[in-house]
Amino acid sequence: MKRKALIRHLEKCGCEFLREGGNHTVYVNRRETKATTVPRHREIDQRLSYKICKDLGIPRI
């Protein structure tokens, strides 16, 4: 899946950008008090996108 599509889904579900890391971006879900990293690749594996959604406590794509 495209990184932009995943970012759109995260923000639609209420997650916010926190900061940039070396090779990743950190997103946080303040309602659930959870955070995770999103790699800066054009394509993100489907299983990894499921894990990112699970880490943030939002429905998967």
PDB file of N, CA and C in Angstrom:
ATOM      1  N   MET A   1       0.836  -1.169   0.000  1.00  0.00           N
ATOM      2  CA  MET A   1       0.000   0.000   0.000  1.00  0.00           C
ATOM      3  C   MET A   1       0.882   1.233   0.000  1.00  0.00           C
ATOM      4  N   LYS A   2       0.368   2.312  -0.532  1.00  0.00           N
ATOM      5  CA  LYS A   2       1.122   3.559  -0.592  1.00  0.00           C
ATOM      6  C   LYS A   2       1.181   4.214   0.785  1.00  0.00           C
ATOM      7  N   ARG A   3       2.311   4.836   1.091  1.00  0.00           N
ATOM      8  CA  ARG A   3       2.503   5.502   2.372  1.00  0.00           C
ATOM      9  C   ARG A   3       1.485   6.631   2.555  1.00  0.00           C
ATOM     10  N   LYS A   4       1.214   7.381   1.493  1.00  0.00           N
ATOM     11  CA  LYS A   4       0.269   8.495   1.586  1.00  0.00           C
ATOM     12  C   LYS A   4      -1.128   8.015   1.962  1.00  0.00           C
ATOM     13  N   ALA A   5      -1.536   6.867   1.434  1.00  0.00           N
ATOM     14  CA  ALA A   5      -2.856   6.323   1.760  1.00  0.00           C
ATOM     15  C   ALA A   5      -2.922   5.930   3.237  1.00  0.00           C
ATOM     16  N   LEU A   6      -1.849   5.350   3.753  1.00  0.00           N
ATOM     17  CA  LEU A   6      -1.814   4.981   5.170  1.00  0.00           C
ATOM     18  C   LEU A   6      -1.863   6.228   6.048  1.00  0.00           C
ATOM     19  N   ILE A   7      -1.108   7.254   5.696  1.00  0.00           N
ATOM     20  CA  ILE A   7      -1.092   8.501   6.465  1.00  0.00           C
ATOM     21  C   ILE A   7      -2.495   9.128   6.466  1.00  0.00           C
ATOM     22  N   ARG A   8      -3.160   9.139   5.321  1.00  0.00           N
ATOM     23  CA  ARG A   8      -4.524   9.675   5.235  1.00  0.00           C
ATOM     24  C   ARG A   8      -5.464   8.915   6.173  1.00  0.00           C
ATOM     25  N   HIS A   9      -5.334   7.585   6.190  1.00  0.00           N
ATOM     26  CA  HIS A   9      -6.178   6.759   7.057  1.00  0.00           C
ATOM     27  C   HIS A   9      -5.896   7.069   8.535  1.00  0.00           C
ATOM     28  N   LEU A  10      -4.636   7.198   8.904  1.00  0.00           N
ATOM     29  CA  LEU A  10      -4.284   7.496  10.294  1.00  0.00           C
ATOM     30  C   LEU A  10      -4.881   8.825  10.734  1.00  0.00           C
ATOM     31  N   GLU A  11      -4.745   9.841   9.897  1.00  0.00           N
ATOM     32  CA  GLU A  11      -5.248  11.166  10.255  1.00  0.00           C
ATOM     33  C   GLU A  11      -6.777  11.205  10.269  1.00  0.00           C
ATOM     34  N   LYS A  12      -7.411  10.433   9.394  1.00  0.00           N
ATOM     35  CA  LYS A  12      -8.872  10.352   9.383  1.00  0.00           C
ATOM     36  C   LYS A  12      -9.391   9.721  10.676  1.00  0.00           C
ATOM     37  N   CYS A  13      -8.620   8.817  11.234  1.00  0.00           N
ATOM     38  CA  CYS A  13      -9.016   8.130  12.470  1.00  0.00           C
ATOM     39  C   CYS A  13      -8.602   8.886  13.732  1.00  0.00           C
ATOM     40  N   GLY A  14      -8.052  10.089  13.587  1.00  0.00           N
ATOM     41  CA  GLY A  14      -7.748  10.917  14.748  1.00  0.00           C
ATOM     42  C   GLY A  14      -6.308  10.890  15.219  1.00  0.00           C
ATOM     43  N   CYS A  15      -5.431  10.243  14.489  1.00  0.00           N
ATOM     44  CA  CYS A  15      -4.019  10.215  14.867  1.00  0.00           C
ATOM     45  C   CYS A  15      -3.334  11.492  14.381  1.00  0.00           C
ATOM     46  N   GLU A  16      -2.283  11.885  15.092  1.00  0.00           N
ATOM     47  CA  GLU A  16      -1.583  13.120  14.778  1.00  0.00           C
ATOM     48  C   GLU A  16      -0.101  12.854  14.562  1.00  0.00           C
ATOM     49  N   PHE A  17       0.491  13.666  13.700  1.00  0.00           N
ATOM     50  CA  PHE A  17       1.935  13.653  13.496  1.00  0.00           C
ATOM     51  C   PHE A  17       2.594  14.158  14.772  1.00  0.00           C
ATOM     52  N   LEU A  18       3.635  13.449  15.247  1.00  0.00           N
ATOM     53  CA  LEU A  18       4.348  13.876  16.451  1.00  0.00           C
ATOM     54  C   LEU A  18       5.709  14.448  16.105  1.00  0.00           C
ATOM     55  N   ARG A  19       6.533  13.644  15.387  1.00  0.00           N
ATOM     56  CA  ARG A  19       7.866  14.125  15.025  1.00  0.00           C
ATOM     57  C   ARG A  19       8.460  13.256  13.923  1.00  0.00           C
ATOM     58  N   GLU A  20       9.527  13.752  13.323  1.00  0.00           N
ATOM     59  CA  GLU A  20      10.284  13.001  12.322  1.00  0.00           C
ATOM     60  C   GLU A  20      11.471  12.336  13.016  1.00  0.00           C
ATOM     61  N   GLY A  21      11.721  11.081  12.678  1.00  0.00           N
ATOM     62  CA  GLY A  21      12.892  10.384  13.168  1.00  0.00           C
ATOM     63  C   GLY A  21      13.913  10.304  12.044  1.00  0.00           C
ATOM     64  N   GLY A  22      14.911   9.457  12.193  1.00  0.00           N
ATOM     65  CA  GLY A  22      15.935   9.312  11.172  1.00  0.00           C
ATOM     66  C   GLY A  22      15.388   8.758   9.871  1.00  0.00           C
ATOM     67  N   ASN A  23      14.742   7.617   9.921  1.00  0.00           N
ATOM     68  CA  ASN A  23      14.175   6.976   8.734  1.00  0.00           C
ATOM     69  C   ASN A  23      12.693   6.694   8.883  1.00  0.00           C
ATOM     70  N   HIS A  24      12.056   7.359   9.840  1.00  0.00           N
ATOM     71  CA  HIS A  24      10.645   7.087  10.094  1.00  0.00           C
ATOM     72  C   HIS A  24       9.947   8.344  10.606  1.00  0.00           C
ATOM     73  N   THR A  25       8.621   8.270  10.668  1.00  0.00           N
ATOM     74  CA  THR A  25       7.780   9.347  11.192  1.00  0.00           C
ATOM     75  C   THR A  25       6.987   8.775  12.359  1.00  0.00           C
ATOM     76  N   VAL A  26       6.847   9.542  13.422  1.00  0.00           N
ATOM     77  CA  VAL A  26       6.134   9.072  14.603  1.00  0.00           C
ATOM     78  C   VAL A  26       4.735   9.678  14.601  1.00  0.00           C
ATOM     79  N   TYR A  27       3.725   8.811  14.735  1.00  0.00           N
ATOM     80  CA  TYR A  27       2.328   9.232  14.853  1.00  0.00           C
ATOM     81  C   TYR A  27       1.800   8.791  16.204  1.00  0.00           C
ATOM     82  N   VAL A  28       0.879   9.595  16.750  1.00  0.00           N
ATOM     83  CA  VAL A  28       0.340   9.327  18.079  1.00  0.00           C
ATOM     84  C   VAL A  28      -1.179   9.416  18.041  1.00  0.00           C
ATOM     85  N   ASN A  29      -1.824   8.538  18.811  1.00  0.00           N
ATOM     86  CA  ASN A  29      -3.266   8.576  19.017  1.00  0.00           C
ATOM     87  C   ASN A  29      -3.463   9.020  20.464  1.00  0.00           C
ATOM     88  N   ARG A  30      -3.802  10.285  20.653  1.00  0.00           N
ATOM     89  CA  ARG A  30      -3.893  10.844  22.007  1.00  0.00           C
ATOM     90  C   ARG A  30      -5.076  10.294  22.791  1.00  0.00           C
ATOM     91  N   ARG A  31      -6.147   9.907  22.117  1.00  0.00           N
ATOM     92  CA  ARG A  31      -7.301   9.330  22.825  1.00  0.00           C
ATOM     93  C   ARG A  31      -6.935   8.004  23.478  1.00  0.00           C
ATOM     94  N   GLU A  32      -6.145   7.200  22.773  1.00  0.00           N
ATOM     95  CA  GLU A  32      -5.735   5.884  23.274  1.00  0.00           C
ATOM     96  C   GLU A  32      -4.386   5.941  23.996  1.00  0.00           C
ATOM     97  N   THR A  33      -3.742   7.091  23.970  1.00  0.00           N
ATOM     98  CA  THR A  33      -2.377   7.289  24.500  1.00  0.00           C
ATOM     99  C   THR A  33      -1.412   6.222  23.967  1.00  0.00           C
ATOM    100  N   LYS A  34      -1.404   6.091  22.637  1.00  0.00           N
ATOM    101  CA  LYS A  34      -0.535   5.131  21.967  1.00  0.00           C
ATOM    102  C   LYS A  34       0.227   5.839  20.862  1.00  0.00           C
ATOM    103  N   ALA A  35       1.423   5.330  20.575  1.00  0.00           N
ATOM    104  CA  ALA A  35       2.244   5.911  19.511  1.00  0.00           C
ATOM    105  C   ALA A  35       2.926   4.786  18.746  1.00  0.00           C
ATOM    106  N   THR A  36       3.290   5.067  17.495  1.00  0.00           N
ATOM    107  CA  THR A  36       4.019   4.108  16.672  1.00  0.00           C
ATOM    108  C   THR A  36       4.775   4.855  15.583  1.00  0.00           C
ATOM    109  N   THR A  37       5.647   4.137  14.903  1.00  0.00           N
ATOM    110  CA  THR A  37       6.434   4.743  13.832  1.00  0.00           C
ATOM    111  C   THR A  37       5.949   4.244  12.479  1.00  0.00           C
ATOM    112  N   VAL A  38       6.063   5.117  11.485  1.00  0.00           N
ATOM    113  CA  VAL A  38       5.710   4.786  10.103  1.00  0.00           C
ATOM    114  C   VAL A  38       6.974   4.973   9.271  1.00  0.00           C
ATOM    115  N   PRO A  39       7.465   3.917   8.611  1.00  0.00           N
ATOM    116  CA  PRO A  39       8.681   4.066   7.809  1.00  0.00           C
ATOM    117  C   PRO A  39       8.485   4.992   6.619  1.00  0.00           C
ATOM    118  N   ARG A  40       9.570   5.596   6.166  1.00  0.00           N
ATOM    119  CA  ARG A  40       9.493   6.514   5.025  1.00  0.00           C
ATOM    120  C   ARG A  40       9.826   5.786   3.729  1.00  0.00           C
ATOM    121  N   HIS A  41       9.034   4.785   3.398  1.00  0.00           N
ATOM    122  CA  HIS A  41       9.151   4.080   2.122  1.00  0.00           C
ATOM    123  C   HIS A  41       7.929   4.440   1.296  1.00  0.00           C
ATOM    124  N   ARG A  42       8.050   4.410  -0.014  1.00  0.00           N
ATOM    125  CA  ARG A  42       6.880   4.693  -0.859  1.00  0.00           C
ATOM    126  C   ARG A  42       5.809   3.630  -0.684  1.00  0.00           C
ATOM    127  N   GLU A  43       6.227   2.390  -0.603  1.00  0.00           N
ATOM    128  CA  GLU A  43       5.309   1.257  -0.422  1.00  0.00           C
ATOM    129  C   GLU A  43       5.509   0.677   0.977  1.00  0.00           C
ATOM    130  N   ILE A  44       4.402   0.396   1.655  1.00  0.00           N
ATOM    131  CA  ILE A  44       4.443  -0.227   2.978  1.00  0.00           C
ATOM    132  C   ILE A  44       3.691  -1.544   2.879  1.00  0.00           C
ATOM    133  N   ASP A  45       4.302  -2.597   3.371  1.00  0.00           N
ATOM    134  CA  ASP A  45       3.714  -3.933   3.327  1.00  0.00           C
ATOM    135  C   ASP A  45       2.360  -3.947   4.041  1.00  0.00           C
ATOM    136  N   GLN A  46       1.424  -4.717   3.529  1.00  0.00           N
ATOM    137  CA  GLN A  46       0.071  -4.770   4.085  1.00  0.00           C
ATOM    138  C   GLN A  46       0.088  -5.216   5.542  1.00  0.00           C
ATOM    139  N   ARG A  47       0.911  -6.212   5.864  1.00  0.00           N
ATOM    140  CA  ARG A  47       0.976  -6.694   7.245  1.00  0.00           C
ATOM    141  C   ARG A  47       1.508  -5.615   8.186  1.00  0.00           C
ATOM    142  N   LEU A  48       2.467  -4.819   7.707  1.00  0.00           N
ATOM    143  CA  LEU A  48       3.009  -3.737   8.523  1.00  0.00           C
ATOM    144  C   LEU A  48       1.953  -2.654   8.739  1.00  0.00           C
ATOM    145  N   SER A  49       1.154  -2.361   7.737  1.00  0.00           N
ATOM    146  CA  SER A  49       0.098  -1.351   7.909  1.00  0.00           C
ATOM    147  C   SER A  49      -0.942  -1.838   8.922  1.00  0.00           C
ATOM    148  N   TYR A  50      -1.245  -3.145   8.933  1.00  0.00           N
ATOM    149  CA  TYR A  50      -2.153  -3.695   9.939  1.00  0.00           C
ATOM    150  C   TYR A  50      -1.568  -3.524  11.334  1.00  0.00           C
ATOM    151  N   LYS A  51      -0.276  -3.764  11.475  1.00  0.00           N
ATOM    152  CA  LYS A  51       0.380  -3.637  12.778  1.00  0.00           C
ATOM    153  C   LYS A  51       0.385  -2.185  13.251  1.00  0.00           C
ATOM    154  N   ILE A  52       0.630  -1.258  12.345  1.00  0.00           N
ATOM    155  CA  ILE A  52       0.626   0.161  12.698  1.00  0.00           C
ATOM    156  C   ILE A  52      -0.751   0.563  13.216  1.00  0.00           C
ATOM    157  N   CYS A  53      -1.803   0.130  12.522  1.00  0.00           N
ATOM    158  CA  CYS A  53      -3.166   0.431  12.961  1.00  0.00           C
ATOM    159  C   CYS A  53      -3.461  -0.213  14.320  1.00  0.00           C
ATOM    160  N   LYS A  54      -3.012  -1.428  14.515  1.00  0.00           N
ATOM    161  CA  LYS A  54      -3.223  -2.123  15.787  1.00  0.00           C
ATOM    162  C   LYS A  54      -2.491  -1.407  16.916  1.00  0.00           C
ATOM    163  N   ASP A  55      -1.254  -0.970  16.653  1.00  0.00           N
ATOM    164  CA  ASP A  55      -0.476  -0.253  17.660  1.00  0.00           C
ATOM    165  C   ASP A  55      -1.160   1.042  18.097  1.00  0.00           C
ATOM    166  N   LEU A  56      -1.850   1.694  17.160  1.00  0.00           N
ATOM    167  CA  LEU A  56      -2.525   2.951  17.479  1.00  0.00           C
ATOM    168  C   LEU A  56      -3.952   2.764  17.966  1.00  0.00           C
ATOM    169  N   GLY A  57      -4.465   1.545  17.925  1.00  0.00           N
ATOM    170  CA  GLY A  57      -5.809   1.268  18.415  1.00  0.00           C
ATOM    171  C   GLY A  57      -6.904   1.780  17.484  1.00  0.00           C
ATOM    172  N   ILE A  58      -6.655   1.715  16.181  1.00  0.00           N
ATOM    173  CA  ILE A  58      -7.651   2.155  15.201  1.00  0.00           C
ATOM    174  C   ILE A  58      -7.980   0.987  14.278  1.00  0.00           C
ATOM    175  N   PRO A  59      -9.125   1.047  13.558  1.00  0.00           N
ATOM    176  CA  PRO A  59      -9.451  -0.035  12.634  1.00  0.00           C
ATOM    177  C   PRO A  59      -8.463  -0.087  11.483  1.00  0.00           C
ATOM    178  N   ARG A  60      -8.158  -1.295  11.032  1.00  0.00           N
ATOM    179  CA  ARG A  60      -7.212  -1.427   9.932  1.00  0.00           C
ATOM    180  C   ARG A  60      -7.895  -1.116   8.608  1.00  0.00           C
ATOM    181  N   ILE A  61      -7.067  -0.841   7.618  1.00  0.00           N
ATOM    182  CA  ILE A  61      -7.562  -0.453   6.300  1.00  0.00           C
ATOM    183  C   ILE A  61      -8.152  -1.668   5.607  1.00  0.00           C
TER     184      ILE A  61
END
